[in-house]
N, C-alpha and C. Protein backbone atom coordinates (compact mmCIF):
# COMPACT_ATOMS: atom_id res chain seq x y z
N MET A 1 0.83 -1.20 0.00
CA MET A 1 0.00 0.00 0.00
C MET A 1 0.87 1.26 0.00
N LYS A 2 1.86 1.30 0.92
CA LYS A 2 2.73 2.46 0.98
C LYS A 2 3.55 2.58 -0.30
N ALA A 3 3.97 1.44 -0.85
CA ALA A 3 4.74 1.44 -2.10
C ALA A 3 3.92 2.05 -3.23
N ASP A 4 2.63 1.77 -3.25
CA ASP A 4 1.76 2.35 -4.29
C ASP A 4 1.67 3.86 -4.16
N MET A 5 1.59 4.34 -2.92
CA MET A 5 1.53 5.78 -2.68
C MET A 5 2.85 6.45 -3.09
N LEU A 6 3.97 5.80 -2.78
CA LEU A 6 5.27 6.34 -3.16
C LEU A 6 5.42 6.35 -4.68
N THR A 7 4.98 5.29 -5.33
CA THR A 7 5.05 5.22 -6.79
C THR A 7 4.20 6.30 -7.42
N SER A 8 3.06 6.60 -6.81
CA SER A 8 2.20 7.68 -7.30
C SER A 8 2.93 9.03 -7.25
N VAL A 9 3.63 9.29 -6.16
CA VAL A 9 4.40 10.54 -6.04
C VAL A 9 5.49 10.58 -7.11
N LEU A 10 6.16 9.43 -7.34
CA LEU A 10 7.21 9.38 -8.35
C LEU A 10 6.66 9.59 -9.75
N ASN A 11 5.51 8.99 -10.05
CA ASN A 11 4.88 9.20 -11.36
C ASN A 11 4.52 10.66 -11.57
N GLU A 12 4.03 11.29 -10.52
CA GLU A 12 3.69 12.72 -10.60
C GLU A 12 4.96 13.54 -10.83
N LEU A 13 6.02 13.22 -10.08
CA LEU A 13 7.30 13.93 -10.25
C LEU A 13 7.81 13.77 -11.68
N ASN A 14 7.84 12.55 -12.19
CA ASN A 14 8.32 12.32 -13.55
C ASN A 14 7.48 13.05 -14.58
N GLY A 15 6.20 13.23 -14.29
CA GLY A 15 5.30 13.92 -15.21
C GLY A 15 5.44 15.44 -15.19
N THR A 16 6.09 15.99 -14.15
CA THR A 16 6.20 17.45 -14.05
C THR A 16 7.19 18.02 -15.06
N SER A 17 8.13 17.20 -15.51
CA SER A 17 9.15 17.70 -16.44
C SER A 17 9.54 16.60 -17.42
N ALA A 18 9.62 16.97 -18.68
CA ALA A 18 10.08 16.02 -19.69
C ALA A 18 11.57 15.72 -19.51
N ASP A 19 12.26 16.55 -18.71
CA ASP A 19 13.69 16.36 -18.48
C ASP A 19 13.98 15.26 -17.46
N ILE A 20 12.99 14.86 -16.66
CA ILE A 20 13.19 13.80 -15.68
C ILE A 20 12.95 12.46 -16.37
N GLU A 21 13.97 11.61 -16.33
CA GLU A 21 13.90 10.32 -17.00
C GLU A 21 13.52 9.18 -16.07
N ALA A 22 13.85 9.28 -14.80
CA ALA A 22 13.59 8.20 -13.86
C ALA A 22 13.69 8.73 -12.43
N SER A 23 13.09 7.98 -11.50
CA SER A 23 13.18 8.37 -10.10
C SER A 23 12.95 7.14 -9.22
N GLY A 24 13.43 7.25 -7.99
CA GLY A 24 13.25 6.16 -7.05
C GLY A 24 13.34 6.65 -5.62
N VAL A 25 12.65 5.94 -4.73
CA VAL A 25 12.75 6.20 -3.29
C VAL A 25 13.50 5.02 -2.70
N ILE A 26 14.58 5.33 -2.01
CA ILE A 26 15.49 4.30 -1.51
C ILE A 26 15.69 4.50 -0.02
N SER A 27 15.68 3.41 0.73
CA SER A 27 15.98 3.52 2.16
C SER A 27 17.44 3.90 2.31
N THR A 28 17.79 4.50 3.45
CA THR A 28 19.17 4.95 3.64
C THR A 28 20.15 3.78 3.69
N ASP A 29 19.65 2.56 3.83
CA ASP A 29 20.55 1.41 3.78
C ASP A 29 20.59 0.77 2.38
N GLY A 30 19.98 1.41 1.40
CA GLY A 30 20.13 1.01 0.00
C GLY A 30 19.04 0.14 -0.59
N LEU A 31 17.94 -0.09 0.12
CA LEU A 31 16.86 -0.91 -0.42
C LEU A 31 15.84 -0.05 -1.15
N MET A 32 15.49 -0.45 -2.37
CA MET A 32 14.53 0.30 -3.16
C MET A 32 13.14 0.13 -2.56
N MET A 33 12.47 1.25 -2.25
CA MET A 33 11.13 1.23 -1.68
C MET A 33 10.08 1.38 -2.78
N ALA A 34 10.38 2.19 -3.79
CA ALA A 34 9.49 2.41 -4.93
C ALA A 34 10.33 3.03 -6.04
N SER A 35 9.96 2.74 -7.28
CA SER A 35 10.74 3.32 -8.37
C SER A 35 9.93 3.43 -9.64
N VAL A 36 10.34 4.37 -10.47
CA VAL A 36 9.85 4.51 -11.83
C VAL A 36 11.12 4.63 -12.67
N LEU A 37 11.67 3.47 -13.03
CA LEU A 37 12.93 3.40 -13.75
C LEU A 37 12.71 2.85 -15.15
N PRO A 38 13.60 3.20 -16.09
CA PRO A 38 13.48 2.63 -17.44
C PRO A 38 13.75 1.12 -17.43
N ALA A 39 13.21 0.44 -18.41
CA ALA A 39 13.43 -1.00 -18.53
C ALA A 39 14.93 -1.27 -18.64
N GLY A 40 15.36 -2.30 -17.96
CA GLY A 40 16.76 -2.68 -18.02
C GLY A 40 17.64 -2.06 -16.95
N MET A 41 17.12 -1.09 -16.22
CA MET A 41 17.90 -0.48 -15.15
C MET A 41 17.67 -1.28 -13.87
N ASP A 42 18.73 -1.71 -13.24
CA ASP A 42 18.68 -2.58 -12.07
C ASP A 42 18.37 -1.79 -10.80
N GLU A 43 17.21 -2.06 -10.21
CA GLU A 43 16.78 -1.36 -8.99
C GLU A 43 17.79 -1.52 -7.85
N ASP A 44 18.29 -2.74 -7.67
CA ASP A 44 19.22 -3.00 -6.58
C ASP A 44 20.50 -2.19 -6.74
N ARG A 45 20.97 -2.09 -7.95
CA ARG A 45 22.19 -1.33 -8.22
C ARG A 45 21.97 0.16 -7.97
N VAL A 46 20.85 0.69 -8.45
CA VAL A 46 20.53 2.10 -8.23
C VAL A 46 20.43 2.38 -6.73
N GLY A 47 19.77 1.49 -6.01
CA GLY A 47 19.61 1.67 -4.56
C GLY A 47 20.93 1.66 -3.83
N ALA A 48 21.77 0.70 -4.13
CA ALA A 48 23.07 0.60 -3.46
C ALA A 48 23.96 1.80 -3.76
N MET A 49 24.00 2.21 -5.01
CA MET A 49 24.84 3.36 -5.37
C MET A 49 24.31 4.65 -4.76
N SER A 50 23.01 4.82 -4.72
CA SER A 50 22.43 6.03 -4.12
C SER A 50 22.78 6.12 -2.64
N ALA A 51 22.61 5.02 -1.94
CA ALA A 51 22.92 5.01 -0.50
C ALA A 51 24.41 5.28 -0.27
N ALA A 52 25.27 4.69 -1.09
CA ALA A 52 26.71 4.90 -0.94
C ALA A 52 27.09 6.35 -1.20
N MET A 53 26.55 6.93 -2.26
CA MET A 53 26.88 8.32 -2.59
C MET A 53 26.37 9.29 -1.53
N LEU A 54 25.17 9.03 -1.03
CA LEU A 54 24.63 9.91 0.00
C LEU A 54 25.45 9.81 1.28
N SER A 55 25.86 8.62 1.63
CA SER A 55 26.70 8.44 2.81
C SER A 55 28.02 9.18 2.65
N LEU A 56 28.63 9.07 1.48
CA LEU A 56 29.87 9.77 1.21
C LEU A 56 29.66 11.29 1.23
N GLY A 57 28.56 11.74 0.67
CA GLY A 57 28.24 13.16 0.69
C GLY A 57 28.06 13.67 2.11
N ASP A 58 27.36 12.89 2.94
CA ASP A 58 27.18 13.24 4.36
C ASP A 58 28.53 13.43 5.04
N ARG A 59 29.38 12.45 4.86
CA ARG A 59 30.70 12.48 5.49
C ARG A 59 31.51 13.68 5.00
N THR A 60 31.48 13.93 3.70
CA THR A 60 32.22 15.04 3.12
C THR A 60 31.73 16.37 3.68
N ALA A 61 30.41 16.56 3.72
CA ALA A 61 29.85 17.81 4.23
C ALA A 61 30.26 18.03 5.68
N GLN A 62 30.25 16.98 6.48
CA GLN A 62 30.64 17.10 7.89
C GLN A 62 32.13 17.39 8.03
N GLU A 63 32.95 16.61 7.33
CA GLU A 63 34.41 16.75 7.46
C GLU A 63 34.91 18.11 6.96
N LEU A 64 34.24 18.65 5.96
CA LEU A 64 34.65 19.94 5.40
C LEU A 64 33.86 21.10 5.99
N ASN A 65 33.15 20.81 7.07
CA ASN A 65 32.44 21.85 7.82
C ASN A 65 31.44 22.62 6.96
N ARG A 66 30.64 21.89 6.18
CA ARG A 66 29.62 22.50 5.32
C ARG A 66 28.22 22.36 5.89
N GLY A 67 28.09 21.80 7.06
CA GLY A 67 26.77 21.62 7.67
C GLY A 67 26.11 20.35 7.20
N ASN A 68 24.82 20.24 7.44
CA ASN A 68 24.07 19.05 7.05
C ASN A 68 23.92 18.98 5.53
N LEU A 69 24.09 17.79 5.01
CA LEU A 69 23.96 17.56 3.58
C LEU A 69 22.52 17.78 3.14
N GLU A 70 22.35 18.51 2.04
CA GLU A 70 21.02 18.72 1.48
C GLU A 70 20.79 17.88 0.24
N GLN A 71 21.81 17.82 -0.64
CA GLN A 71 21.65 17.04 -1.85
C GLN A 71 23.01 16.71 -2.44
N VAL A 72 23.01 15.70 -3.29
CA VAL A 72 24.19 15.32 -4.06
C VAL A 72 23.80 15.42 -5.52
N LEU A 73 24.63 16.09 -6.31
CA LEU A 73 24.37 16.25 -7.74
C LEU A 73 25.57 15.70 -8.50
N ILE A 74 25.30 14.80 -9.42
CA ILE A 74 26.34 14.23 -10.27
C ILE A 74 26.00 14.58 -11.71
N LYS A 75 26.98 15.11 -12.42
CA LYS A 75 26.77 15.44 -13.84
C LYS A 75 27.64 14.53 -14.67
N GLY A 76 27.01 13.83 -15.60
CA GLY A 76 27.72 12.98 -16.53
C GLY A 76 27.45 13.44 -17.95
N ALA A 77 28.13 12.85 -18.89
CA ALA A 77 27.97 13.23 -20.29
C ALA A 77 26.54 13.02 -20.78
N ARG A 78 25.81 12.06 -20.18
CA ARG A 78 24.45 11.77 -20.64
C ARG A 78 23.38 12.23 -19.66
N GLY A 79 23.75 13.10 -18.72
CA GLY A 79 22.73 13.64 -17.84
C GLY A 79 23.16 13.76 -16.39
N TYR A 80 22.17 13.99 -15.55
CA TYR A 80 22.39 14.26 -14.14
C TYR A 80 21.78 13.17 -13.26
N VAL A 81 22.37 13.00 -12.09
CA VAL A 81 21.79 12.21 -11.02
C VAL A 81 21.69 13.14 -9.83
N LEU A 82 20.50 13.29 -9.29
CA LEU A 82 20.25 14.15 -8.13
C LEU A 82 19.71 13.29 -7.00
N MET A 83 20.35 13.39 -5.84
CA MET A 83 19.91 12.65 -4.66
C MET A 83 19.66 13.62 -3.53
N THR A 84 18.54 13.44 -2.85
CA THR A 84 18.21 14.28 -1.72
C THR A 84 17.47 13.45 -0.68
N TYR A 85 17.61 13.84 0.57
CA TYR A 85 16.90 13.13 1.62
C TYR A 85 15.40 13.38 1.52
N ALA A 86 14.64 12.33 1.81
CA ALA A 86 13.18 12.43 1.90
C ALA A 86 12.83 11.93 3.30
N GLY A 87 13.05 12.78 4.28
CA GLY A 87 12.93 12.38 5.68
C GLY A 87 14.25 11.81 6.16
N ASN A 88 14.22 11.19 7.32
CA ASN A 88 15.46 10.67 7.92
C ASN A 88 15.83 9.29 7.42
N GLU A 89 14.86 8.57 6.85
CA GLU A 89 15.09 7.17 6.51
C GLU A 89 15.07 6.86 5.02
N ALA A 90 14.92 7.88 4.18
CA ALA A 90 14.81 7.61 2.74
C ALA A 90 15.53 8.66 1.91
N VAL A 91 15.85 8.26 0.69
CA VAL A 91 16.54 9.10 -0.27
C VAL A 91 15.71 9.12 -1.55
N LEU A 92 15.56 10.29 -2.14
CA LEU A 92 14.91 10.42 -3.45
C LEU A 92 16.01 10.61 -4.48
N THR A 93 16.09 9.70 -5.44
CA THR A 93 17.08 9.78 -6.51
C THR A 93 16.35 10.05 -7.82
N VAL A 94 16.86 11.02 -8.58
CA VAL A 94 16.24 11.41 -9.84
C VAL A 94 17.31 11.43 -10.93
N LEU A 95 16.98 10.88 -12.08
CA LEU A 95 17.85 10.94 -13.25
C LEU A 95 17.25 11.94 -14.23
N ALA A 96 18.09 12.87 -14.70
CA ALA A 96 17.60 13.92 -15.60
C ALA A 96 18.47 14.00 -16.85
N LYS A 97 17.89 14.53 -17.92
CA LYS A 97 18.58 14.67 -19.20
C LYS A 97 19.70 15.70 -19.10
N PRO A 98 20.67 15.66 -20.01
CA PRO A 98 21.82 16.57 -19.93
C PRO A 98 21.48 18.04 -20.12
N ASN A 99 20.41 18.33 -20.82
CA ASN A 99 20.02 19.73 -21.04
C ASN A 99 18.90 20.18 -20.10
N ALA A 100 18.73 19.48 -18.99
CA ALA A 100 17.63 19.75 -18.06
C ALA A 100 17.75 21.12 -17.43
N LYS A 101 16.60 21.71 -17.16
CA LYS A 101 16.53 22.97 -16.42
C LYS A 101 16.57 22.63 -14.93
N LEU A 102 17.77 22.69 -14.35
CA LEU A 102 17.98 22.19 -12.99
C LEU A 102 17.20 22.95 -11.94
N GLY A 103 17.03 24.24 -12.12
CA GLY A 103 16.29 25.03 -11.12
C GLY A 103 14.89 24.50 -10.92
N LEU A 104 14.20 24.21 -12.01
CA LEU A 104 12.84 23.67 -11.92
C LEU A 104 12.85 22.26 -11.34
N ILE A 105 13.83 21.47 -11.73
CA ILE A 105 13.92 20.11 -11.21
C ILE A 105 14.19 20.13 -9.71
N PHE A 106 15.08 21.01 -9.25
CA PHE A 106 15.34 21.12 -7.82
C PHE A 106 14.06 21.42 -7.05
N LEU A 107 13.26 22.33 -7.58
CA LEU A 107 12.00 22.71 -6.93
C LEU A 107 11.04 21.52 -6.89
N ASP A 108 10.87 20.84 -8.01
CA ASP A 108 9.97 19.68 -8.08
C ASP A 108 10.44 18.55 -7.17
N VAL A 109 11.75 18.31 -7.13
CA VAL A 109 12.30 17.26 -6.29
C VAL A 109 12.10 17.60 -4.82
N LYS A 110 12.28 18.85 -4.47
CA LYS A 110 12.08 19.27 -3.07
C LYS A 110 10.63 19.02 -2.64
N ARG A 111 9.70 19.36 -3.48
CA ARG A 111 8.28 19.12 -3.18
C ARG A 111 7.98 17.64 -3.03
N ALA A 112 8.50 16.84 -3.95
CA ALA A 112 8.27 15.40 -3.89
C ALA A 112 8.91 14.80 -2.64
N ALA A 113 10.10 15.25 -2.28
CA ALA A 113 10.78 14.73 -1.08
C ALA A 113 9.98 15.06 0.17
N GLU A 114 9.38 16.25 0.21
CA GLU A 114 8.53 16.61 1.36
C GLU A 114 7.30 15.71 1.45
N SER A 115 6.68 15.42 0.31
CA SER A 115 5.52 14.53 0.28
C SER A 115 5.90 13.13 0.75
N ILE A 116 7.03 12.64 0.25
CA ILE A 116 7.51 11.31 0.63
C ILE A 116 7.81 11.26 2.12
N SER A 117 8.45 12.29 2.62
CA SER A 117 8.79 12.36 4.05
C SER A 117 7.54 12.27 4.91
N GLU A 118 6.48 12.94 4.50
CA GLU A 118 5.21 12.89 5.27
C GLU A 118 4.60 11.50 5.24
N MET A 119 4.77 10.76 4.14
CA MET A 119 4.22 9.40 4.04
C MET A 119 4.96 8.41 4.92
N LEU A 120 6.26 8.64 5.05
CA LEU A 120 7.08 7.69 5.81
C LEU A 120 7.09 8.13 7.25
């Protein structure tokens, strides 16, 4: 039931921008809770990498005295990966196209993360 509600939020998020290609809600220990991923993309792999990157980002922010981590942004030749906390126990990971309007995506992701946080 909760997975269906999370998937609904992800479908809504993916529908807000043509630049968003995929999204997932992952527990902080790397387990996929809900996802809207393209065919052929491994949920377990996305979950594990998201949790690892967020953990590394947390540590980096603390060690370099930047305060609490808000998000991790990775830019690759074929697009972006954006990870942000959705409450204390979950991470929202979004894949976006290389020409994405990041300002709008940041806003949409923040709203979705708040909705997810309230559900969990």
